[in-house]
Amino acid sequence: MDIQMPEMDGFEATRNIRKLEEIAKESGKIWHVPILAMPADVIQATYDECVRCKMDGYVSKPFEEEQLYKAMSQVLSRT
């Protein structure tokens, strides 16, 4: 999930996805969309907001291909 997007940033998009998951859960459907944050910075406040939004992982830009695959593997192994 790109954090700095026009109109709706990654935080808001993630919060909306998590709300939809809760609505589905209430109706007996359980599903989870794995979300990996991809911010352009590495400051603690950005990381903290990713956690508050219930993102599943974090890799900051720029990143190496191996870092992305590792982060994706970690996220997918937990879901």
PDB file of N, CA and C in Angstrom:
ATOM      1  N   MET A   1       0.857  -1.171   0.000  1.00  0.00           N
ATOM      2  CA  MET A   1       0.000   0.000   0.000  1.00  0.00           C
ATOM      3  C   MET A   1       0.903   1.233   0.000  1.00  0.00           C
ATOM      4  N   ASP A   2       0.777   2.021  -1.037  1.00  0.00           N
ATOM      5  CA  ASP A   2       1.523   3.275  -1.102  1.00  0.00           C
ATOM      6  C   ASP A   2       0.878   4.250  -0.115  1.00  0.00           C
ATOM      7  N   ILE A   3       1.674   4.862   0.719  1.00  0.00           N
ATOM      8  CA  ILE A   3       1.153   5.770   1.740  1.00  0.00           C
ATOM      9  C   ILE A   3       0.779   7.127   1.151  1.00  0.00           C
ATOM     10  N   GLN A   4       1.616   7.655   0.279  1.00  0.00           N
ATOM     11  CA  GLN A   4       1.374   8.989  -0.279  1.00  0.00           C
ATOM     12  C   GLN A   4       0.664   8.881  -1.615  1.00  0.00           C
ATOM     13  N   MET A   5      -0.665   8.755  -1.568  1.00  0.00           N
ATOM     14  CA  MET A   5      -1.465   8.687  -2.787  1.00  0.00           C
ATOM     15  C   MET A   5      -2.368   9.921  -2.857  1.00  0.00           C
ATOM     16  N   PRO A   6      -2.732  10.346  -4.056  1.00  0.00           N
ATOM     17  CA  PRO A   6      -3.648  11.488  -4.171  1.00  0.00           C
ATOM     18  C   PRO A   6      -5.063  11.094  -3.769  1.00  0.00           C
ATOM     19  N   GLU A   7      -5.809  12.032  -3.289  1.00  0.00           N
ATOM     20  CA  GLU A   7      -7.221  11.896  -2.908  1.00  0.00           C
ATOM     21  C   GLU A   7      -7.449  11.024  -1.689  1.00  0.00           C
ATOM     22  N   MET A   8      -6.947   9.793  -1.678  1.00  0.00           N
ATOM     23  CA  MET A   8      -7.086   8.932  -0.504  1.00  0.00           C
ATOM     24  C   MET A   8      -5.719   8.305  -0.237  1.00  0.00           C
ATOM     25  N   ASP A   9      -5.110   8.666   0.895  1.00  0.00           N
ATOM     26  CA  ASP A   9      -3.790   8.107   1.167  1.00  0.00           C
ATOM     27  C   ASP A   9      -3.893   6.662   1.645  1.00  0.00           C
ATOM     28  N   GLY A  10      -2.764   6.012   1.761  1.00  0.00           N
ATOM     29  CA  GLY A  10      -2.730   4.606   2.135  1.00  0.00           C
ATOM     30  C   GLY A  10      -3.302   4.320   3.507  1.00  0.00           C
ATOM     31  N   PHE A  11      -3.180   5.284   4.422  1.00  0.00           N
ATOM     32  CA  PHE A  11      -3.740   5.098   5.761  1.00  0.00           C
ATOM     33  C   PHE A  11      -5.264   5.016   5.690  1.00  0.00           C
ATOM     34  N   GLU A  12      -5.856   5.973   4.976  1.00  0.00           N
ATOM     35  CA  GLU A  12      -7.314   5.992   4.849  1.00  0.00           C
ATOM     36  C   GLU A  12      -7.818   4.772   4.081  1.00  0.00           C
ATOM     37  N   ALA A  13      -7.114   4.398   3.024  1.00  0.00           N
ATOM     38  CA  ALA A  13      -7.510   3.220   2.251  1.00  0.00           C
ATOM     39  C   ALA A  13      -7.478   1.967   3.127  1.00  0.00           C
ATOM     40  N   THR A  14      -6.433   1.841   3.934  1.00  0.00           N
ATOM     41  CA  THR A  14      -6.315   0.682   4.815  1.00  0.00           C
ATOM     42  C   THR A  14      -7.416   0.677   5.865  1.00  0.00           C
ATOM     43  N   ARG A  15      -7.693   1.836   6.460  1.00  0.00           N
ATOM     44  CA  ARG A  15      -8.777   1.904   7.449  1.00  0.00           C
ATOM     45  C   ARG A  15     -10.109   1.478   6.815  1.00  0.00           C
ATOM     46  N   ASN A  16     -10.356   1.912   5.582  1.00  0.00           N
ATOM     47  CA  ASN A  16     -11.592   1.532   4.895  1.00  0.00           C
ATOM     48  C   ASN A  16     -11.653   0.029   4.633  1.00  0.00           C
ATOM     49  N   ILE A  17     -10.550  -0.553   4.218  1.00  0.00           N
ATOM     50  CA  ILE A  17     -10.506  -1.999   3.985  1.00  0.00           C
ATOM     51  C   ILE A  17     -10.765  -2.744   5.288  1.00  0.00           C
ATOM     52  N   ARG A  18     -10.143  -2.301   6.374  1.00  0.00           N
ATOM     53  CA  ARG A  18     -10.332  -2.976   7.664  1.00  0.00           C
ATOM     54  C   ARG A  18     -11.777  -2.836   8.152  1.00  0.00           C
ATOM     55  N   LYS A  19     -12.433  -1.703   7.864  1.00  0.00           N
ATOM     56  CA  LYS A  19     -13.849  -1.546   8.219  1.00  0.00           C
ATOM     57  C   LYS A  19     -14.709  -2.546   7.454  1.00  0.00           C
ATOM     58  N   LEU A  20     -14.411  -2.720   6.163  1.00  0.00           N
ATOM     59  CA  LEU A  20     -15.156  -3.689   5.362  1.00  0.00           C
ATOM     60  C   LEU A  20     -14.958  -5.105   5.893  1.00  0.00           C
ATOM     61  N   GLU A  21     -13.757  -5.405   6.348  1.00  0.00           N
ATOM     62  CA  GLU A  21     -13.504  -6.721   6.942  1.00  0.00           C
ATOM     63  C   GLU A  21     -14.360  -6.931   8.192  1.00  0.00           C
ATOM     64  N   GLU A  22     -14.480  -5.890   9.014  1.00  0.00           N
ATOM     65  CA  GLU A  22     -15.296  -5.982  10.223  1.00  0.00           C
ATOM     66  C   GLU A  22     -16.768  -6.191   9.879  1.00  0.00           C
ATOM     67  N   ILE A  23     -17.258  -5.486   8.872  1.00  0.00           N
ATOM     68  CA  ILE A  23     -18.648  -5.649   8.441  1.00  0.00           C
ATOM     69  C   ILE A  23     -18.874  -7.077   7.957  1.00  0.00           C
ATOM     70  N   ALA A  24     -17.943  -7.596   7.185  1.00  0.00           N
ATOM     71  CA  ALA A  24     -18.061  -8.970   6.693  1.00  0.00           C
ATOM     72  C   ALA A  24     -18.048  -9.959   7.851  1.00  0.00           C
ATOM     73  N   LYS A  25     -17.210  -9.696   8.829  1.00  0.00           N
ATOM     74  CA  LYS A  25     -17.101 -10.579   9.998  1.00  0.00           C
ATOM     75  C   LYS A  25     -18.430 -10.640  10.753  1.00  0.00           C
ATOM     76  N   GLU A  26     -19.089  -9.495  10.879  1.00  0.00           N
ATOM     77  CA  GLU A  26     -20.379  -9.438  11.573  1.00  0.00           C
ATOM     78  C   GLU A  26     -21.448 -10.262  10.855  1.00  0.00           C
ATOM     79  N   SER A  27     -21.310 -10.406   9.555  1.00  0.00           N
ATOM     80  CA  SER A  27     -22.292 -11.193   8.797  1.00  0.00           C
ATOM     81  C   SER A  27     -21.834 -12.646   8.615  1.00  0.00           C
ATOM     82  N   GLY A  28     -20.794 -13.031   9.351  1.00  0.00           N
ATOM     83  CA  GLY A  28     -20.346 -14.417   9.325  1.00  0.00           C
ATOM     84  C   GLY A  28     -19.292 -14.741   8.287  1.00  0.00           C
ATOM     85  N   LYS A  29     -18.859 -13.754   7.540  1.00  0.00           N
ATOM     86  CA  LYS A  29     -17.820 -13.977   6.536  1.00  0.00           C
ATOM     87  C   LYS A  29     -16.488 -13.474   7.085  1.00  0.00           C
ATOM     88  N   ILE A  30     -15.519 -14.345   7.075  1.00  0.00           N
ATOM     89  CA  ILE A  30     -14.216 -13.947   7.611  1.00  0.00           C
ATOM     90  C   ILE A  30     -13.220 -13.897   6.456  1.00  0.00           C
ATOM     91  N   TRP A  31     -12.644 -12.753   6.238  1.00  0.00           N
ATOM     92  CA  TRP A  31     -11.604 -12.595   5.244  1.00  0.00           C
ATOM     93  C   TRP A  31     -10.660 -11.497   5.700  1.00  0.00           C
ATOM     94  N   HIS A  32      -9.455 -11.551   5.187  1.00  0.00           N
ATOM     95  CA  HIS A  32      -8.429 -10.577   5.563  1.00  0.00           C
ATOM     96  C   HIS A  32      -7.588 -10.255   4.334  1.00  0.00           C
ATOM     97  N   VAL A  33      -7.454  -8.969   4.049  1.00  0.00           N
ATOM     98  CA  VAL A  33      -6.623  -8.513   2.945  1.00  0.00           C
ATOM     99  C   VAL A  33      -5.245  -8.183   3.510  1.00  0.00           C
ATOM    100  N   PRO A  34      -4.212  -8.936   3.116  1.00  0.00           N
ATOM    101  CA  PRO A  34      -2.865  -8.604   3.589  1.00  0.00           C
ATOM    102  C   PRO A  34      -2.427  -7.257   3.005  1.00  0.00           C
ATOM    103  N   ILE A  35      -1.966  -6.369   3.878  1.00  0.00           N
ATOM    104  CA  ILE A  35      -1.538  -5.040   3.428  1.00  0.00           C
ATOM    105  C   ILE A  35      -0.114  -4.780   3.903  1.00  0.00           C
ATOM    106  N   LEU A  36       0.748  -4.511   2.944  1.00  0.00           N
ATOM    107  CA  LEU A  36       2.141  -4.194   3.198  1.00  0.00           C
ATOM    108  C   LEU A  36       2.339  -2.707   2.923  1.00  0.00           C
ATOM    109  N   ALA A  37       2.718  -1.960   3.934  1.00  0.00           N
ATOM    110  CA  ALA A  37       2.934  -0.522   3.783  1.00  0.00           C
ATOM    111  C   ALA A  37       4.219  -0.268   3.006  1.00  0.00           C
ATOM    112  N   MET A  38       4.170   0.724   2.113  1.00  0.00           N
ATOM    113  CA  MET A  38       5.343   1.090   1.331  1.00  0.00           C
ATOM    114  C   MET A  38       5.532   2.609   1.370  1.00  0.00           C
ATOM    115  N   PRO A  39       5.936   3.136   2.536  1.00  0.00           N
ATOM    116  CA  PRO A  39       6.137   4.582   2.649  1.00  0.00           C
ATOM    117  C   PRO A  39       7.471   5.019   2.056  1.00  0.00           C
ATOM    118  N   ALA A  40       7.567   6.306   1.785  1.00  0.00           N
ATOM    119  CA  ALA A  40       8.797   6.874   1.236  1.00  0.00           C
ATOM    120  C   ALA A  40       9.751   7.329   2.333  1.00  0.00           C
ATOM    121  N   ASP A  41       9.382   7.118   3.579  1.00  0.00           N
ATOM    122  CA  ASP A  41      10.254   7.532   4.679  1.00  0.00           C
ATOM    123  C   ASP A  41      10.360   6.410   5.707  1.00  0.00           C
ATOM    124  N   VAL A  42      11.232   6.612   6.657  1.00  0.00           N
ATOM    125  CA  VAL A  42      11.424   5.600   7.701  1.00  0.00           C
ATOM    126  C   VAL A  42      11.245   6.207   9.096  1.00  0.00           C
ATOM    127  N   ILE A  43      10.459   7.269   9.192  1.00  0.00           N
ATOM    128  CA  ILE A  43      10.296   7.907  10.501  1.00  0.00           C
ATOM    129  C   ILE A  43       9.324   7.103  11.366  1.00  0.00           C
ATOM    130  N   GLN A  44       9.539   7.180  12.653  1.00  0.00           N
ATOM    131  CA  GLN A  44       8.760   6.394  13.608  1.00  0.00           C
ATOM    132  C   GLN A  44       7.268   6.707  13.529  1.00  0.00           C
ATOM    133  N   ALA A  45       6.913   7.972  13.325  1.00  0.00           N
ATOM    134  CA  ALA A  45       5.499   8.357  13.275  1.00  0.00           C
ATOM    135  C   ALA A  45       4.775   7.651  12.128  1.00  0.00           C
ATOM    136  N   THR A  46       5.427   7.491  10.993  1.00  0.00           N
ATOM    137  CA  THR A  46       4.816   6.790   9.859  1.00  0.00           C
ATOM    138  C   THR A  46       4.628   5.321  10.204  1.00  0.00           C
ATOM    139  N   TYR A  47       5.651   4.713  10.775  1.00  0.00           N
ATOM    140  CA  TYR A  47       5.545   3.311  11.187  1.00  0.00           C
ATOM    141  C   TYR A  47       4.411   3.132  12.197  1.00  0.00           C
ATOM    142  N   ASP A  48       4.343   4.031  13.188  1.00  0.00           N
ATOM    143  CA  ASP A  48       3.294   3.942  14.210  1.00  0.00           C
ATOM    144  C   ASP A  48       1.902   4.038  13.601  1.00  0.00           C
ATOM    145  N   GLU A  49       1.726   4.902  12.617  1.00  0.00           N
ATOM    146  CA  GLU A  49       0.421   5.042  11.964  1.00  0.00           C
ATOM    147  C   GLU A  49       0.085   3.782  11.161  1.00  0.00           C
ATOM    148  N   CYS A  50       1.081   3.162  10.564  1.00  0.00           N
ATOM    149  CA  CYS A  50       0.857   1.891   9.854  1.00  0.00           C
ATOM    150  C   CYS A  50       0.339   0.829  10.823  1.00  0.00           C
ATOM    151  N   VAL A  51       0.914   0.780  12.001  1.00  0.00           N
ATOM    152  CA  VAL A  51       0.472  -0.177  13.023  1.00  0.00           C
ATOM    153  C   VAL A  51      -0.953   0.151  13.466  1.00  0.00           C
ATOM    154  N   ARG A  52      -1.229   1.432  13.714  1.00  0.00           N
ATOM    155  CA  ARG A  52      -2.585   1.839  14.135  1.00  0.00           C
ATOM    156  C   ARG A  52      -3.630   1.491  13.086  1.00  0.00           C
ATOM    157  N   CYS A  53      -3.281   1.578  11.824  1.00  0.00           N
ATOM    158  CA  CYS A  53      -4.209   1.262  10.730  1.00  0.00           C
ATOM    159  C   CYS A  53      -4.338  -0.239  10.514  1.00  0.00           C
ATOM    160  N   LYS A  54      -3.557  -1.008  11.241  1.00  0.00           N
ATOM    161  CA  LYS A  54      -3.571  -2.484  11.146  1.00  0.00           C
ATOM    162  C   LYS A  54      -3.027  -2.993   9.821  1.00  0.00           C
ATOM    163  N   MET A  55      -1.973  -2.316   9.334  1.00  0.00           N
ATOM    164  CA  MET A  55      -1.260  -2.857   8.187  1.00  0.00           C
ATOM    165  C   MET A  55      -0.465  -4.063   8.682  1.00  0.00           C
ATOM    166  N   ASP A  56      -0.212  -5.007   7.798  1.00  0.00           N
ATOM    167  CA  ASP A  56       0.419  -6.263   8.198  1.00  0.00           C
ATOM    168  C   ASP A  56       1.931  -6.247   8.133  1.00  0.00           C
ATOM    169  N   GLY A  57       2.493  -5.331   7.397  1.00  0.00           N
ATOM    170  CA  GLY A  57       3.940  -5.269   7.250  1.00  0.00           C
ATOM    171  C   GLY A  57       4.363  -3.909   6.747  1.00  0.00           C
ATOM    172  N   TYR A  58       5.685  -3.742   6.585  1.00  0.00           N
ATOM    173  CA  TYR A  58       6.229  -2.426   6.295  1.00  0.00           C
ATOM    174  C   TYR A  58       7.551  -2.589   5.553  1.00  0.00           C
ATOM    175  N   VAL A  59       7.696  -1.917   4.446  1.00  0.00           N
ATOM    176  CA  VAL A  59       8.979  -1.837   3.748  1.00  0.00           C
ATOM    177  C   VAL A  59       9.068  -0.427   3.165  1.00  0.00           C
ATOM    178  N   SER A  60      10.128   0.292   3.518  1.00  0.00           N
ATOM    179  CA  SER A  60      10.230   1.687   3.071  1.00  0.00           C
ATOM    180  C   SER A  60      10.972   1.784   1.740  1.00  0.00           C
ATOM    181  N   LYS A  61      10.575   2.785   0.966  1.00  0.00           N
ATOM    182  CA  LYS A  61      11.208   3.042  -0.327  1.00  0.00           C
ATOM    183  C   LYS A  61      12.438   3.917  -0.117  1.00  0.00           C
ATOM    184  N   PRO A  62      13.445   3.798  -0.896  1.00  0.00           N
ATOM    185  CA  PRO A  62      13.628   2.762  -1.913  1.00  0.00           C
ATOM    186  C   PRO A  62      13.999   1.439  -1.252  1.00  0.00           C
ATOM    187  N   PHE A  63      13.642   0.350  -1.888  1.00  0.00           N
ATOM    188  CA  PHE A  63      13.951  -0.961  -1.328  1.00  0.00           C
ATOM    189  C   PHE A  63      14.516  -1.856  -2.416  1.00  0.00           C
ATOM    190  N   GLU A  64      15.228  -2.847  -1.970  1.00  0.00           N
ATOM    191  CA  GLU A  64      15.770  -3.849  -2.880  1.00  0.00           C
ATOM    192  C   GLU A  64      14.700  -4.919  -3.096  1.00  0.00           C
ATOM    193  N   GLU A  65      14.760  -5.564  -4.211  1.00  0.00           N
ATOM    194  CA  GLU A  65      13.797  -6.603  -4.543  1.00  0.00           C
ATOM    195  C   GLU A  65      13.733  -7.665  -3.440  1.00  0.00           C
ATOM    196  N   GLU A  66      14.874  -8.056  -2.927  1.00  0.00           N
ATOM    197  CA  GLU A  66      14.935  -9.074  -1.868  1.00  0.00           C
ATOM    198  C   GLU A  66      14.193  -8.624  -0.603  1.00  0.00           C
ATOM    199  N   GLN A  67      14.311  -7.335  -0.261  1.00  0.00           N
ATOM    200  CA  GLN A  67      13.603  -6.803   0.917  1.00  0.00           C
ATOM    201  C   GLN A  67      12.095  -6.911   0.733  1.00  0.00           C
ATOM    202  N   LEU A  68      11.623  -6.601  -0.463  1.00  0.00           N
ATOM    203  CA  LEU A  68      10.192  -6.669  -0.750  1.00  0.00           C
ATOM    204  C   LEU A  68       9.698  -8.109  -0.651  1.00  0.00           C
ATOM    205  N   TYR A  69      10.419  -9.035  -1.262  1.00  0.00           N
ATOM    206  CA  TYR A  69      10.013 -10.442  -1.208  1.00  0.00           C
ATOM    207  C   TYR A  69      10.002 -10.971   0.222  1.00  0.00           C
ATOM    208  N   LYS A  70      10.992 -10.574   1.001  1.00  0.00           N
ATOM    209  CA  LYS A  70      11.054 -11.017   2.402  1.00  0.00           C
ATOM    210  C   LYS A  70       9.850 -10.489   3.177  1.00  0.00           C
ATOM    211  N   ALA A  71       9.553  -9.199   3.019  1.00  0.00           N
ATOM    212  CA  ALA A  71       8.415  -8.599   3.720  1.00  0.00           C
ATOM    213  C   ALA A  71       7.104  -9.243   3.280  1.00  0.00           C
ATOM    214  N   MET A  72       6.959  -9.494   1.991  1.00  0.00           N
ATOM    215  CA  MET A  72       5.739 -10.127   1.487  1.00  0.00           C
ATOM    216  C   MET A  72       5.604 -11.547   2.040  1.00  0.00           C
ATOM    217  N   SER A  73       6.690 -12.279   2.078  1.00  0.00           N
ATOM    218  CA  SER A  73       6.665 -13.645   2.613  1.00  0.00           C
ATOM    219  C   SER A  73       6.258 -13.652   4.083  1.00  0.00           C
ATOM    220  N   GLN A  74       6.780 -12.704   4.841  1.00  0.00           N
ATOM    221  CA  GLN A  74       6.434 -12.622   6.268  1.00  0.00           C
ATOM    222  C   GLN A  74       4.944 -12.330   6.454  1.00  0.00           C
ATOM    223  N   VAL A  75       4.433 -11.390   5.684  1.00  0.00           N
ATOM    224  CA  VAL A  75       3.022 -11.024   5.775  1.00  0.00           C
ATOM    225  C   VAL A  75       2.141 -12.207   5.366  1.00  0.00           C
ATOM    226  N   LEU A  76       2.463 -12.834   4.266  1.00  0.00           N
ATOM    227  CA  LEU A  76       1.632 -13.925   3.764  1.00  0.00           C
ATOM    228  C   LEU A  76       1.697 -15.164   4.653  1.00  0.00           C
ATOM    229  N   SER A  77       2.804 -15.367   5.327  1.00  0.00           N
ATOM    230  CA  SER A  77       2.903 -16.532   6.207  1.00  0.00           C
ATOM    231  C   SER A  77       2.035 -16.384   7.461  1.00  0.00           C
ATOM    232  N   ARG A  78       1.666 -15.145   7.794  1.00  0.00           N
ATOM    233  CA  ARG A  78       0.828 -14.897   8.975  1.00  0.00           C
ATOM    234  C   ARG A  78      -0.656 -14.855   8.651  1.00  0.00           C
ATOM    235  N   THR A  79      -0.999 -14.797   7.361  1.00  0.00           N
ATOM    236  CA  THR A  79      -2.423 -14.663   7.008  1.00  0.00           C
ATOM    237  C   THR A  79      -2.996 -15.960   6.489  1.00  0.00           C
TER     238      THR A  79
END
